[in-house]
PDB file of N, CA and C in Angstrom:
ATOM      1  N   MET A   1       1.121  -1.081  -0.129  1.00  0.00           N
ATOM      2  CA  MET A   1       0.062  -0.181  -0.075  1.00  0.00           C
ATOM      3  C   MET A   1       1.182   1.532  -0.153  1.00  0.00           C
ATOM      4  N   GLN A   2       2.050   1.104   1.254  1.00  0.00           N
ATOM      5  CA  GLN A   2       2.824   2.389   0.933  1.00  0.00           C
ATOM      6  C   GLN A   2       3.367   2.368  -0.034  1.00  0.00           C
ATOM      7  N   LEU A   3       3.991   1.258  -1.189  1.00  0.00           N
ATOM      8  CA  LEU A   3       4.835   1.939  -2.339  1.00  0.00           C
ATOM      9  C   LEU A   3       3.818   2.156  -3.543  1.00  0.00           C
ATOM     10  N   LEU A   4       2.156   2.170  -3.503  1.00  0.00           N
ATOM     11  CA  LEU A   4       1.695   2.647  -4.104  1.00  0.00           C
ATOM     12  C   LEU A   4       1.327   3.977  -4.042  1.00  0.00           C
ATOM     13  N   LEU A   5       1.085   4.304  -3.007  1.00  0.00           N
ATOM     14  CA  LEU A   5       0.797   5.787  -2.601  1.00  0.00           C
ATOM     15  C   LEU A   5       1.945   6.288  -2.895  1.00  0.00           C
ATOM     16  N   ARG A   6       3.274   5.847  -2.580  1.00  0.00           N
ATOM     17  CA  ARG A   6       4.564   7.031  -3.211  1.00  0.00           C
ATOM     18  C   ARG A   6       4.490   6.512  -4.282  1.00  0.00           C
ATOM     19  N   VAL A   7       4.052   5.749  -5.100  1.00  0.00           N
ATOM     20  CA  VAL A   7       3.749   5.852  -6.902  1.00  0.00           C
ATOM     21  C   VAL A   7       3.149   7.127  -7.158  1.00  0.00           C
ATOM     22  N   ALA A   8       1.951   6.887  -6.849  1.00  0.00           N
ATOM     23  CA  ALA A   8       0.814   8.010  -6.825  1.00  0.00           C
ATOM     24  C   ALA A   8       0.980   9.229  -6.942  1.00  0.00           C
ATOM     25  N   ILE A   9       1.630   9.744  -5.473  1.00  0.00           N
ATOM     26  CA  ILE A   9       2.301  11.123  -5.348  1.00  0.00           C
ATOM     27  C   ILE A   9       3.097  11.544  -6.103  1.00  0.00           C
ATOM     28  N   GLY A  10       4.083  10.460  -5.961  1.00  0.00           N
ATOM     29  CA  GLY A  10       4.739  10.925  -7.333  1.00  0.00           C
ATOM     30  C   GLY A  10       4.762  11.378  -8.831  1.00  0.00           C
ATOM     31  N   LEU A  11       3.883  10.423  -8.987  1.00  0.00           N
ATOM     32  CA  LEU A  11       3.020  10.593 -10.433  1.00  0.00           C
ATOM     33  C   LEU A  11       2.416  12.492 -10.124  1.00  0.00           C
ATOM     34  N   ILE A  12       1.970  12.639  -8.996  1.00  0.00           N
ATOM     35  CA  ILE A  12       1.219  14.295  -9.069  1.00  0.00           C
ATOM     36  C   ILE A  12       2.718  15.253  -9.337  1.00  0.00           C
ATOM     37  N   GLY A  13       3.410  14.839  -8.672  1.00  0.00           N
ATOM     38  CA  GLY A  13       4.328  15.495  -8.586  1.00  0.00           C
ATOM     39  C   GLY A  13       5.085  15.682 -10.364  1.00  0.00           C
ATOM     40  N   VAL A  14       5.133  14.348 -10.940  1.00  0.00           N
ATOM     41  CA  VAL A  14       5.827  14.532 -11.835  1.00  0.00           C
ATOM     42  C   VAL A  14       4.491  15.707 -13.442  1.00  0.00           C
ATOM     43  N   LEU A  15       3.453  15.408 -12.803  1.00  0.00           N
ATOM     44  CA  LEU A  15       2.360  15.381 -13.916  1.00  0.00           C
ATOM     45  C   LEU A  15       2.665  17.413 -13.243  1.00  0.00           C
ATOM     46  N   GLY A  16       2.277  17.661 -11.969  1.00  0.00           N
ATOM     47  CA  GLY A  16       2.827  19.419 -11.731  1.00  0.00           C
ATOM     48  C   GLY A  16       3.202  19.843 -12.218  1.00  0.00           C
ATOM     49  N   LEU A  17       4.653  19.159 -12.307  1.00  0.00           N
ATOM     50  CA  LEU A  17       6.321  19.806 -12.858  1.00  0.00           C
ATOM     51  C   LEU A  17       5.637  19.862 -14.406  1.00  0.00           C
ATOM     52  N   LEU A  18       5.415  18.689 -15.263  1.00  0.00           N
ATOM     53  CA  LEU A  18       4.579  18.739 -16.623  1.00  0.00           C
ATOM     54  C   LEU A  18       3.611  20.206 -16.760  1.00  0.00           C
ATOM     55  N   LEU A  19       2.668  20.345 -15.902  1.00  0.00           N
ATOM     56  CA  LEU A  19       2.302  21.964 -16.100  1.00  0.00           C
ATOM     57  C   LEU A  19       3.145  22.910 -15.718  1.00  0.00           C
ATOM     58  N   VAL A  20       4.084  22.993 -14.630  1.00  0.00           N
ATOM     59  CA  VAL A  20       4.911  24.204 -14.515  1.00  0.00           C
ATOM     60  C   VAL A  20       5.388  24.804 -15.998  1.00  0.00           C
ATOM     61  N   VAL A  21       5.738  23.893 -16.678  1.00  0.00           N
ATOM     62  CA  VAL A  21       6.811  23.643 -17.686  1.00  0.00           C
ATOM     63  C   VAL A  21       5.945  24.530 -18.735  1.00  0.00           C
ATOM     64  N   GLN A  22       4.406  23.927 -18.894  1.00  0.00           N
ATOM     65  CA  GLN A  22       3.665  25.024 -19.802  1.00  0.00           C
ATOM     66  C   GLN A  22       3.275  26.381 -19.359  1.00  0.00           C
ATOM     67  N   PHE A  23       3.734  26.338 -17.925  1.00  0.00           N
ATOM     68  CA  PHE A  23       3.094  27.757 -17.732  1.00  0.00           C
ATOM     69  C   PHE A  23       4.367  28.734 -18.009  1.00  0.00           C
ATOM     70  N   LEU A  24       5.477  28.214 -18.152  1.00  0.00           N
ATOM     71  CA  LEU A  24       6.632  29.050 -18.251  1.00  0.00           C
ATOM     72  C   LEU A  24       6.542  29.269 -19.607  1.00  0.00           C
ATOM     73  N   ILE A  25       6.421  27.805 -20.880  1.00  0.00           N
ATOM     74  CA  ILE A  25       6.483  27.944 -22.177  1.00  0.00           C
ATOM     75  C   ILE A  25       5.290  28.959 -22.819  1.00  0.00           C
ATOM     76  N   ASP A  26       4.033  28.522 -22.689  1.00  0.00           N
ATOM     77  CA  ASP A  26       3.438  29.296 -23.303  1.00  0.00           C
ATOM     78  C   ASP A  26       2.180  29.468 -22.035  1.00  0.00           C
ATOM     79  N   PRO A  27       2.253  30.631 -21.648  1.00  0.00           N
ATOM     80  CA  PRO A  27       1.160  30.813 -19.831  1.00  0.00           C
ATOM     81  C   PRO A  27      -0.213  30.872 -20.702  1.00  0.00           C
ATOM     82  N   ALA A  28       0.024  31.656 -21.658  1.00  0.00           N
ATOM     83  CA  ALA A  28      -1.787  31.904 -22.127  1.00  0.00           C
ATOM     84  C   ALA A  28      -2.821  30.746 -22.455  1.00  0.00           C
ATOM     85  N   LYS A  29      -1.476  30.027 -22.659  1.00  0.00           N
ATOM     86  CA  LYS A  29      -2.630  28.402 -23.330  1.00  0.00           C
ATOM     87  C   LYS A  29      -2.834  27.825 -22.023  1.00  0.00           C
ATOM     88  N   ALA A  30      -1.388  27.698 -21.121  1.00  0.00           N
ATOM     89  CA  ALA A  30      -1.721  26.503 -19.850  1.00  0.00           C
ATOM     90  C   ALA A  30      -3.312  27.576 -18.891  1.00  0.00           C
ATOM     91  N   ALA A  31      -2.803  28.794 -19.096  1.00  0.00           N
ATOM     92  CA  ALA A  31      -4.208  29.616 -17.934  1.00  0.00           C
ATOM     93  C   ALA A  31      -5.271  29.239 -18.758  1.00  0.00           C
ATOM     94  N   GLY A  32      -5.263  29.438 -19.790  1.00  0.00           N
ATOM     95  CA  GLY A  32      -6.981  29.015 -20.720  1.00  0.00           C
ATOM     96  C   GLY A  32      -7.342  27.840 -20.414  1.00  0.00           C
ATOM     97  N   ASN A  33      -6.556  26.789 -20.266  1.00  0.00           N
ATOM     98  CA  ASN A  33      -6.745  25.284 -19.947  1.00  0.00           C
ATOM     99  C   ASN A  33      -7.679  25.554 -18.688  1.00  0.00           C
ATOM    100  N   LEU A  34      -7.217  26.709 -17.715  1.00  0.00           N
ATOM    101  CA  LEU A  34      -7.686  26.428 -16.336  1.00  0.00           C
ATOM    102  C   LEU A  34      -8.695  27.520 -16.298  1.00  0.00           C
ATOM    103  N   GLY A  35      -9.289  28.642 -17.515  1.00  0.00           N
ATOM    104  CA  GLY A  35     -10.230  29.417 -16.988  1.00  0.00           C
ATOM    105  C   GLY A  35      -9.626  31.178 -16.662  1.00  0.00           C
ATOM    106  N   LEU A  36      -8.436  30.904 -16.947  1.00  0.00           N
ATOM    107  CA  LEU A  36      -7.399  32.510 -17.143  1.00  0.00           C
ATOM    108  C   LEU A  36      -7.046  33.043 -17.829  1.00  0.00           C
ATOM    109  N   VAL A  37      -7.041  34.763 -17.610  1.00  0.00           N
ATOM    110  CA  VAL A  37      -6.257  35.123 -18.854  1.00  0.00           C
ATOM    111  C   VAL A  37      -5.326  36.415 -18.295  1.00  0.00           C
ATOM    112  N   GLY A  38      -4.270  36.165 -18.933  1.00  0.00           N
ATOM    113  CA  GLY A  38      -3.234  37.287 -18.643  1.00  0.00           C
ATOM    114  C   GLY A  38      -3.187  38.154 -19.409  1.00  0.00           C
ATOM    115  N   GLN A  39      -3.141  39.278 -19.228  1.00  0.00           N
ATOM    116  CA  GLN A  39      -3.538  40.473 -19.855  1.00  0.00           C
ATOM    117  C   GLN A  39      -1.820  41.144 -20.032  1.00  0.00           C
ATOM    118  N   GLY A  40      -1.473  41.577 -21.029  1.00  0.00           N
ATOM    119  CA  GLY A  40      -0.130  41.298 -21.540  1.00  0.00           C
ATOM    120  C   GLY A  40       1.039  41.167 -20.602  1.00  0.00           C
ATOM    121  N   ALA A  41       2.208  41.885 -20.404  1.00  0.00           N
ATOM    122  CA  ALA A  41       3.068  41.171 -20.056  1.00  0.00           C
ATOM    123  C   ALA A  41       3.417  41.006 -18.331  1.00  0.00           C
ATOM    124  N   SER A  42       2.924  41.811 -17.989  1.00  0.00           N
ATOM    125  CA  SER A  42       2.634  41.361 -16.495  1.00  0.00           C
ATOM    126  C   SER A  42       1.750  40.788 -16.542  1.00  0.00           C
ATOM    127  N   GLY A  43       0.134  40.776 -17.113  1.00  0.00           N
ATOM    128  CA  GLY A  43      -0.039  39.585 -16.354  1.00  0.00           C
ATOM    129  C   GLY A  43       0.226  37.855 -17.060  1.00  0.00           C
ATOM    130  N   LEU A  44       1.359  37.830 -18.375  1.00  0.00           N
ATOM    131  CA  LEU A  44       1.798  36.667 -18.842  1.00  0.00           C
ATOM    132  C   LEU A  44       2.789  36.813 -17.465  1.00  0.00           C
ATOM    133  N   SER A  45       3.907  37.225 -17.205  1.00  0.00           N
ATOM    134  CA  SER A  45       4.505  37.875 -15.827  1.00  0.00           C
ATOM    135  C   SER A  45       4.257  37.101 -14.378  1.00  0.00           C
ATOM    136  N   SER A  46       2.615  36.948 -14.065  1.00  0.00           N
ATOM    137  CA  SER A  46       1.589  36.652 -13.258  1.00  0.00           C
ATOM    138  C   SER A  46       1.491  34.994 -13.132  1.00  0.00           C
ATOM    139  N   LEU A  47       1.361  35.262 -14.647  1.00  0.00           N
ATOM    140  CA  LEU A  47       0.800  33.378 -14.946  1.00  0.00           C
ATOM    141  C   LEU A  47       2.169  32.548 -14.978  1.00  0.00           C
ATOM    142  N   ARG A  48       3.259  33.669 -15.121  1.00  0.00           N
ATOM    143  CA  ARG A  48       4.340  32.347 -14.883  1.00  0.00           C
ATOM    144  C   ARG A  48       4.676  31.793 -13.385  1.00  0.00           C
ATOM    145  N   SER A  49       4.520  33.015 -13.032  1.00  0.00           N
ATOM    146  CA  SER A  49       5.056  33.595 -11.625  1.00  0.00           C
ATOM    147  C   SER A  49       4.593  32.236 -10.119  1.00  0.00           C
ATOM    148  N   ASP A  50       2.804  33.538 -10.315  1.00  0.00           N
ATOM    149  CA  ASP A  50       2.190  33.440  -9.270  1.00  0.00           C
ATOM    150  C   ASP A  50       1.584  32.038  -9.237  1.00  0.00           C
ATOM    151  N   VAL A  51       0.851  32.033 -10.602  1.00  0.00           N
ATOM    152  CA  VAL A  51      -0.188  30.726 -10.864  1.00  0.00           C
ATOM    153  C   VAL A  51       1.274  29.277 -11.374  1.00  0.00           C
ATOM    154  N   GLY A  52       2.566  29.729 -11.638  1.00  0.00           N
ATOM    155  CA  GLY A  52       3.187  28.614 -12.027  1.00  0.00           C
ATOM    156  C   GLY A  52       4.338  27.891 -10.648  1.00  0.00           C
ATOM    157  N   GLY A  53       4.234  29.579 -10.082  1.00  0.00           N
ATOM    158  CA  GLY A  53       4.749  29.412  -8.330  1.00  0.00           C
ATOM    159  C   GLY A  53       3.824  28.143  -7.617  1.00  0.00           C
ATOM    160  N   PHE A  54       2.654  28.089  -7.551  1.00  0.00           N
ATOM    161  CA  PHE A  54       1.657  27.576  -6.558  1.00  0.00           C
ATOM    162  C   PHE A  54       1.769  25.892  -7.129  1.00  0.00           C
ATOM    163  N   PHE A  55       2.013  26.159  -8.270  1.00  0.00           N
ATOM    164  CA  PHE A  55       2.494  24.500  -9.073  1.00  0.00           C
ATOM    165  C   PHE A  55       3.368  23.769  -8.734  1.00  0.00           C
ATOM    166  N   ALA A  56       4.294  25.345  -8.832  1.00  0.00           N
ATOM    167  CA  ALA A  56       5.739  24.394  -8.372  1.00  0.00           C
ATOM    168  C   ALA A  56       5.704  23.791  -7.135  1.00  0.00           C
ATOM    169  N   GLY A  57       5.348  24.733  -6.294  1.00  0.00           N
ATOM    170  CA  GLY A  57       5.891  24.533  -5.156  1.00  0.00           C
ATOM    171  C   GLY A  57       4.626  22.896  -4.907  1.00  0.00           C
ATOM    172  N   THR A  58       3.711  22.409  -4.879  1.00  0.00           N
ATOM    173  CA  THR A  58       3.618  21.749  -4.807  1.00  0.00           C
ATOM    174  C   THR A  58       3.928  20.318  -5.514  1.00  0.00           C
ATOM    175  N   ALA A  59       4.355  20.824  -6.405  1.00  0.00           N
ATOM    176  CA  ALA A  59       4.850  19.650  -7.737  1.00  0.00           C
ATOM    177  C   ALA A  59       5.977  19.243  -6.559  1.00  0.00           C
ATOM    178  N   LEU A  60       7.191  20.218  -6.660  1.00  0.00           N
ATOM    179  CA  LEU A  60       8.454  19.894  -6.073  1.00  0.00           C
ATOM    180  C   LEU A  60       8.229  19.085  -4.593  1.00  0.00           C
ATOM    181  N   PHE A  61       7.373  19.369  -4.080  1.00  0.00           N
ATOM    182  CA  PHE A  61       6.703  19.114  -2.221  1.00  0.00           C
ATOM    183  C   PHE A  61       6.436  17.699  -2.171  1.00  0.00           C
ATOM    184  N   THR A  62       5.690  17.662  -3.482  1.00  0.00           N
ATOM    185  CA  THR A  62       5.176  16.028  -3.563  1.00  0.00           C
ATOM    186  C   THR A  62       6.092  15.017  -4.083  1.00  0.00           C
ATOM    187  N   LEU A  63       6.820  15.424  -5.137  1.00  0.00           N
ATOM    188  CA  LEU A  63       7.769  14.696  -5.451  1.00  0.00           C
ATOM    189  C   LEU A  63       8.942  14.236  -4.362  1.00  0.00           C
ATOM    190  N   ALA A  64       9.388  15.569  -4.012  1.00  0.00           N
ATOM    191  CA  ALA A  64      10.240  14.884  -2.625  1.00  0.00           C
ATOM    192  C   ALA A  64       9.677  14.088  -1.604  1.00  0.00           C
ATOM    193  N   ALA A  65       8.576  14.517  -1.524  1.00  0.00           N
ATOM    194  CA  ALA A  65       7.987  13.952  -0.335  1.00  0.00           C
ATOM    195  C   ALA A  65       7.601  12.394  -1.065  1.00  0.00           C
ATOM    196  N   ALA A  66       7.194  11.815  -2.148  1.00  0.00           N
ATOM    197  CA  ALA A  66       7.589  10.797  -2.125  1.00  0.00           C
ATOM    198  C   ALA A  66       9.047   9.799  -2.621  1.00  0.00           C
ATOM    199  N   ILE A  67       9.409  10.338  -2.947  1.00  0.00           N
ATOM    200  CA  ILE A  67      10.893   9.948  -3.005  1.00  0.00           C
ATOM    201  C   ILE A  67      11.720   9.975  -2.120  1.00  0.00           C
ATOM    202  N   GLN A  68      11.106  10.763  -0.361  1.00  0.00           N
ATOM    203  CA  GLN A  68      12.060  10.474   0.744  1.00  0.00           C
ATOM    204  C   GLN A  68      10.910  10.063   1.723  1.00  0.00           C
ATOM    205  N   ASN A  69       9.935   9.405   0.893  1.00  0.00           N
ATOM    206  CA  ASN A  69       9.133   8.641   2.029  1.00  0.00           C
ATOM    207  C   ASN A  69       8.697   9.881   3.170  1.00  0.00           C
ATOM    208  N   SER A  70       8.202  11.253   3.190  1.00  0.00           N
ATOM    209  CA  SER A  70       8.450  11.829   4.127  1.00  0.00           C
ATOM    210  C   SER A  70       6.857  12.703   4.485  1.00  0.00           C
ATOM    211  N   ARG A  71       6.294  12.424   5.395  1.00  0.00           N
ATOM    212  CA  ARG A  71       5.483  13.031   5.986  1.00  0.00           C
ATOM    213  C   ARG A  71       5.215  14.625   6.079  1.00  0.00           C
ATOM    214  N   ARG A  72       6.413  14.838   6.741  1.00  0.00           N
ATOM    215  CA  ARG A  72       6.567  16.404   6.705  1.00  0.00           C
ATOM    216  C   ARG A  72       6.675  17.596   5.057  1.00  0.00           C
ATOM    217  N   LEU A  73       7.340  16.865   4.335  1.00  0.00           N
ATOM    218  CA  LEU A  73       7.397  17.767   3.460  1.00  0.00           C
ATOM    219  C   LEU A  73       5.841  17.188   2.417  1.00  0.00           C
ATOM    220  N   LEU A  74       5.358  16.377   2.984  1.00  0.00           N
ATOM    221  CA  LEU A  74       4.055  16.143   1.938  1.00  0.00           C
ATOM    222  C   LEU A  74       2.477  17.072   2.540  1.00  0.00           C
ATOM    223  N   SER A  75       3.510  17.889   3.743  1.00  0.00           N
ATOM    224  CA  SER A  75       2.483  18.443   4.626  1.00  0.00           C
ATOM    225  C   SER A  75       2.305  20.146   3.909  1.00  0.00           C
ATOM    226  N   VAL A  76       3.174  20.820   2.858  1.00  0.00           N
ATOM    227  CA  VAL A  76       2.848  21.805   1.903  1.00  0.00           C
ATOM    228  C   VAL A  76       1.740  21.734   0.920  1.00  0.00           C
ATOM    229  N   PRO A  77       2.562  20.395   0.149  1.00  0.00           N
ATOM    230  CA  PRO A  77       1.217  20.286  -0.875  1.00  0.00           C
ATOM    231  C   PRO A  77      -0.203  20.154  -0.388  1.00  0.00           C
ATOM    232  N   LEU A  78      -0.229  19.303   0.723  1.00  0.00           N
ATOM    233  CA  LEU A  78      -1.479  18.968   1.484  1.00  0.00           C
ATOM    234  C   LEU A  78      -2.388  20.666   1.503  1.00  0.00           C
ATOM    235  N   VAL A  79      -1.576  21.247   2.137  1.00  0.00           N
ATOM    236  CA  VAL A  79      -2.195  22.292   2.111  1.00  0.00           C
ATOM    237  C   VAL A  79      -2.459  23.153   1.208  1.00  0.00           C
ATOM    238  N   PHE A  80      -1.937  23.203   0.226  1.00  0.00           N
ATOM    239  CA  PHE A  80      -1.834  24.184  -0.795  1.00  0.00           C
ATOM    240  C   PHE A  80      -3.425  23.472  -1.659  1.00  0.00           C
ATOM    241  N   ILE A  81      -3.081  22.114  -1.635  1.00  0.00           N
ATOM    242  CA  ILE A  81      -4.644  21.508  -2.426  1.00  0.00           C
ATOM    243  C   ILE A  81      -5.372  21.818  -1.184  1.00  0.00           C
ATOM    244  N   ALA A  82      -5.461  21.393  -0.237  1.00  0.00           N
ATOM    245  CA  ALA A  82      -6.752  21.689   0.818  1.00  0.00           C
ATOM    246  C   ALA A  82      -6.727  23.690   0.112  1.00  0.00           C
ATOM    247  N   TYR A  83      -6.553  24.534   0.447  1.00  0.00           N
ATOM    248  CA  TYR A  83      -7.105  25.769   0.462  1.00  0.00           C
ATOM    249  C   TYR A  83      -7.597  25.457  -1.101  1.00  0.00           C
ATOM    250  N   ALA A  84      -6.720  25.253  -2.062  1.00  0.00           N
ATOM    251  CA  ALA A  84      -7.174  25.430  -3.300  1.00  0.00           C
ATOM    252  C   ALA A  84      -9.118  24.776  -3.475  1.00  0.00           C
ATOM    253  N   LEU A  85      -9.135  23.487  -2.912  1.00  0.00           N
ATOM    254  CA  LEU A  85     -10.065  23.109  -2.832  1.00  0.00           C
ATOM    255  C   LEU A  85     -11.372  23.857  -1.873  1.00  0.00           C
ATOM    256  N   ALA A  86     -11.290  24.333  -0.876  1.00  0.00           N
ATOM    257  CA  ALA A  86     -11.766  25.128  -0.095  1.00  0.00           C
ATOM    258  C   ALA A  86     -12.174  26.475  -0.628  1.00  0.00           C
ATOM    259  N   ALA A  87     -11.098  26.810  -1.460  1.00  0.00           N
ATOM    260  CA  ALA A  87     -11.411  28.680  -2.565  1.00  0.00           C
ATOM    261  C   ALA A  87     -12.553  28.183  -2.860  1.00  0.00           C
ATOM    262  N   ARG A  88     -12.864  26.859  -3.988  1.00  0.00           N
ATOM    263  CA  ARG A  88     -13.575  26.410  -4.927  1.00  0.00           C
ATOM    264  C   ARG A  88     -14.982  26.883  -3.977  1.00  0.00           C
ATOM    265  N   PHE A  89     -15.494  25.982  -2.686  1.00  0.00           N
ATOM    266  CA  PHE A  89     -16.901  26.115  -2.253  1.00  0.00           C
ATOM    267  C   PHE A  89     -16.696  27.469  -2.154  1.00  0.00           C
ATOM    268  N   VAL A  90     -15.560  28.784  -1.763  1.00  0.00           N
ATOM    269  CA  VAL A  90     -16.032  30.481  -1.038  1.00  0.00           C
ATOM    270  C   VAL A  90     -16.064  30.137  -2.235  1.00  0.00           C
ATOM    271  N   THR A  91     -15.767  29.943  -3.375  1.00  0.00           N
ATOM    272  CA  THR A  91     -16.666  31.073  -4.898  1.00  0.00           C
ATOM    273  C   THR A  91     -17.837  30.490  -4.877  1.00  0.00           C
ATOM    274  N   ILE A  92     -18.765  29.239  -4.952  1.00  0.00           N
ATOM    275  CA  ILE A  92     -19.186  28.863  -4.977  1.00  0.00           C
ATOM    276  C   ILE A  92     -20.455  29.668  -4.275  1.00  0.00           C
ATOM    277  N   GLY A  93     -20.425  29.641  -2.459  1.00  0.00           N
ATOM    278  CA  GLY A  93     -21.177  30.490  -2.057  1.00  0.00           C
ATOM    279  C   GLY A  93     -20.971  31.663  -2.353  1.00  0.00           C
ATOM    280  N   LEU A  94     -19.877  32.373  -2.710  1.00  0.00           N
ATOM    281  CA  LEU A  94     -19.854  33.923  -3.021  1.00  0.00           C
ATOM    282  C   LEU A  94     -20.443  34.258  -4.235  1.00  0.00           C
ATOM    283  N   ASP A  95     -20.320  33.472  -5.889  1.00  0.00           N
ATOM    284  CA  ASP A  95     -20.687  33.703  -6.603  1.00  0.00           C
ATOM    285  C   ASP A  95     -21.626  32.820  -7.205  1.00  0.00           C
ATOM    286  N   GLY A  96     -21.680  31.696  -6.589  1.00  0.00           N
ATOM    287  CA  GLY A  96     -23.145  30.974  -7.100  1.00  0.00           C
ATOM    288  C   GLY A  96     -22.741  29.791  -7.934  1.00  0.00           C
ATOM    289  N   TRP A  97     -23.561  28.791  -8.071  1.00  0.00           N
ATOM    290  CA  TRP A  97     -23.081  27.399  -8.707  1.00  0.00           C
ATOM    291  C   TRP A  97     -22.377  27.401 -10.375  1.00  0.00           C
ATOM    292  N   HIS A  98     -21.833  26.956 -10.812  1.00  0.00           N
ATOM    293  CA  HIS A  98     -21.325  27.221 -11.989  1.00  0.00           C
ATOM    294  C   HIS A  98     -20.544  25.401 -12.193  1.00  0.00           C
ATOM    295  N   SER A  99     -21.922  24.624 -13.245  1.00  0.00           N
ATOM    296  CA  SER A  99     -21.607  23.062 -13.894  1.00  0.00           C
ATOM    297  C   SER A  99     -20.344  23.246 -13.662  1.00  0.00           C
ATOM    298  N   SER A 100     -19.292  24.290 -14.354  1.00  0.00           N
ATOM    299  CA  SER A 100     -17.904  23.956 -14.713  1.00  0.00           C
ATOM    300  C   SER A 100     -17.015  23.787 -13.681  1.00  0.00           C
ATOM    301  N   ALA A 101     -17.551  24.068 -12.071  1.00  0.00           N
ATOM    302  CA  ALA A 101     -16.778  23.672 -11.089  1.00  0.00           C
ATOM    303  C   ALA A 101     -16.544  22.569 -10.737  1.00  0.00           C
ATOM    304  N   ILE A 102     -17.519  21.342 -11.349  1.00  0.00           N
ATOM    305  CA  ILE A 102     -17.396  19.966 -10.868  1.00  0.00           C
ATOM    306  C   ILE A 102     -16.093  19.187 -11.459  1.00  0.00           C
ATOM    307  N   GLY A 103     -15.689  19.471 -12.319  1.00  0.00           N
ATOM    308  CA  GLY A 103     -14.157  19.170 -12.341  1.00  0.00           C
ATOM    309  C   GLY A 103     -12.618  19.177 -11.523  1.00  0.00           C
ATOM    310  N   PRO A 104     -13.283  20.642 -11.529  1.00  0.00           N
ATOM    311  CA  PRO A 104     -11.894  20.600 -11.090  1.00  0.00           C
ATOM    312  C   PRO A 104     -12.067  21.024  -9.397  1.00  0.00           C
ATOM    313  N   ILE A 105     -13.285  20.458  -8.948  1.00  0.00           N
ATOM    314  CA  ILE A 105     -13.659  20.090  -7.366  1.00  0.00           C
ATOM    315  C   ILE A 105     -13.711  18.268  -7.298  1.00  0.00           C
ATOM    316  N   VAL A 106     -13.825  17.757  -8.386  1.00  0.00           N
ATOM    317  CA  VAL A 106     -13.472  16.107  -8.320  1.00  0.00           C
ATOM    318  C   VAL A 106     -12.437  16.376  -8.441  1.00  0.00           C
ATOM    319  N   ALA A 107     -11.198  16.654  -8.799  1.00  0.00           N
ATOM    320  CA  ALA A 107      -9.876  16.414  -9.194  1.00  0.00           C
ATOM    321  C   ALA A 107      -8.811  17.059  -8.020  1.00  0.00           C
ATOM    322  N   GLU A 108      -9.315  18.496  -7.330  1.00  0.00           N
ATOM    323  CA  GLU A 108      -8.731  18.247  -6.010  1.00  0.00           C
ATOM    324  C   GLU A 108      -9.077  18.061  -4.962  1.00  0.00           C
ATOM    325  N   ALA A 109     -10.230  17.379  -5.114  1.00  0.00           N
ATOM    326  CA  ALA A 109     -10.329  16.268  -4.248  1.00  0.00           C
ATOM    327  C   ALA A 109      -9.713  15.280  -4.129  1.00  0.00           C
ATOM    328  N   ALA A 110     -10.175  14.647  -5.116  1.00  0.00           N
ATOM    329  CA  ALA A 110      -8.915  13.336  -5.121  1.00  0.00           C
ATOM    330  C   ALA A 110      -7.579  13.226  -5.149  1.00  0.00           C
ATOM    331  N   LEU A 111      -6.910  14.736  -5.200  1.00  0.00           N
ATOM    332  CA  LEU A 111      -5.754  14.456  -5.450  1.00  0.00           C
ATOM    333  C   LEU A 111      -5.273  14.777  -3.504  1.00  0.00           C
ATOM    334  N   LEU A 112      -6.172  15.708  -2.932  1.00  0.00           N
ATOM    335  CA  LEU A 112      -6.622  15.567  -1.454  1.00  0.00           C
ATOM    336  C   LEU A 112      -6.671  14.611  -1.036  1.00  0.00           C
ATOM    337  N   ALA A 113      -7.214  13.698  -1.444  1.00  0.00           N
ATOM    338  CA  ALA A 113      -7.552  12.283  -0.622  1.00  0.00           C
ATOM    339  C   ALA A 113      -6.376  11.339  -0.762  1.00  0.00           C
ATOM    340  N   ILE A 114      -5.631  11.541  -1.521  1.00  0.00           N
ATOM    341  CA  ILE A 114      -4.582  10.739  -2.198  1.00  0.00           C
ATOM    342  C   ILE A 114      -3.607  11.012  -1.186  1.00  0.00           C
ATOM    343  N   VAL A 115      -3.378  12.868  -1.052  1.00  0.00           N
ATOM    344  CA  VAL A 115      -1.842  13.386  -0.270  1.00  0.00           C
ATOM    345  C   VAL A 115      -2.532  12.708   1.270  1.00  0.00           C
ATOM    346  N   ILE A 116      -3.496  13.029   1.694  1.00  0.00           N
ATOM    347  CA  ILE A 116      -3.879  12.841   3.116  1.00  0.00           C
ATOM    348  C   ILE A 116      -3.436  11.374   3.038  1.00  0.00           C
ATOM    349  N   ALA A 117      -3.881   9.961   2.581  1.00  0.00           N
ATOM    350  CA  ALA A 117      -3.486   8.993   2.605  1.00  0.00           C
ATOM    351  C   ALA A 117      -2.242   8.585   2.686  1.00  0.00           C
ATOM    352  N   GLY A 118      -0.736   9.589   1.783  1.00  0.00           N
ATOM    353  CA  GLY A 118      -0.068   9.565   1.872  1.00  0.00           C
ATOM    354  C   GLY A 118       0.142  10.156   3.339  1.00  0.00           C
ATOM    355  N   HIS A 119       0.340  11.218   3.926  1.00  0.00           N
ATOM    356  CA  HIS A 119       0.452  11.732   4.889  1.00  0.00           C
ATOM    357  C   HIS A 119       0.427  10.794   6.476  1.00  0.00           C
ATOM    358  N   ARG A 120      -0.186  10.249   5.985  1.00  0.00           N
ATOM    359  CA  ARG A 120      -0.975   9.221   7.225  1.00  0.00           C
ATOM    360  C   ARG A 120       0.220   8.401   7.430  1.00  0.00           C
ATOM    361  N   LYS A 121       0.034   8.007   6.013  1.00  0.00           N
ATOM    362  CA  LYS A 121       1.240   6.475   5.958  1.00  0.00           C
ATOM    363  C   LYS A 121       2.460   6.743   5.871  1.00  0.00           C
ATOM    364  N   PHE A 122       3.080   7.655   5.039  1.00  0.00           N
ATOM    365  CA  PHE A 122       4.752   8.517   5.127  1.00  0.00           C
ATOM    366  C   PHE A 122       5.589   8.557   6.947  1.00  0.00           C
ATOM    367  N   ALA A 123       6.505   8.121   6.298  1.00  0.00           N
ATOM    368  CA  ALA A 123       7.120   8.430   7.747  1.00  0.00           C
ATOM    369  C   ALA A 123       6.984   9.741   7.906  1.00  0.00           C
ATOM    370  N   ARG A 124       8.097   9.789   9.458  1.00  0.00           N
ATOM    371  CA  ARG A 124       7.832  11.203  10.149  1.00  0.00           C
ATOM    372  C   ARG A 124       8.470  11.707   9.245  1.00  0.00           C
ATOM    373  N   GLY A 125       9.547  11.106   9.240  1.00  0.00           N
ATOM    374  CA  GLY A 125      11.016  12.740   8.559  1.00  0.00           C
ATOM    375  C   GLY A 125      10.804  13.163   7.127  1.00  0.00           C
TER     376      GLY A 125
END
């Protein structure tokens, strides 16, 4: 079970790094896939740094946690993903329900479930 979790969490990290590369190379396209728009040079820079940074932090700590079997390192992506999921529900509360919210909510809930399972099973170090 632990090996399966480490592989799954490692794959999350690798896929996250691929997303980071997309944000670095073509931020407008990557952002468009998420429903975001970067306006002008400043907007593209923000997509690369702010949004890309969120995914980079999540991906790097997830990958490092899987490699090192570390619960401590997995705490970072756990917080990031939990925040993202909570923000989805805040958005629904403030802006109303959109059927387009289903995919991201399901994806973030699945990621969070895997990361929580890893956090429970990984070593404390």
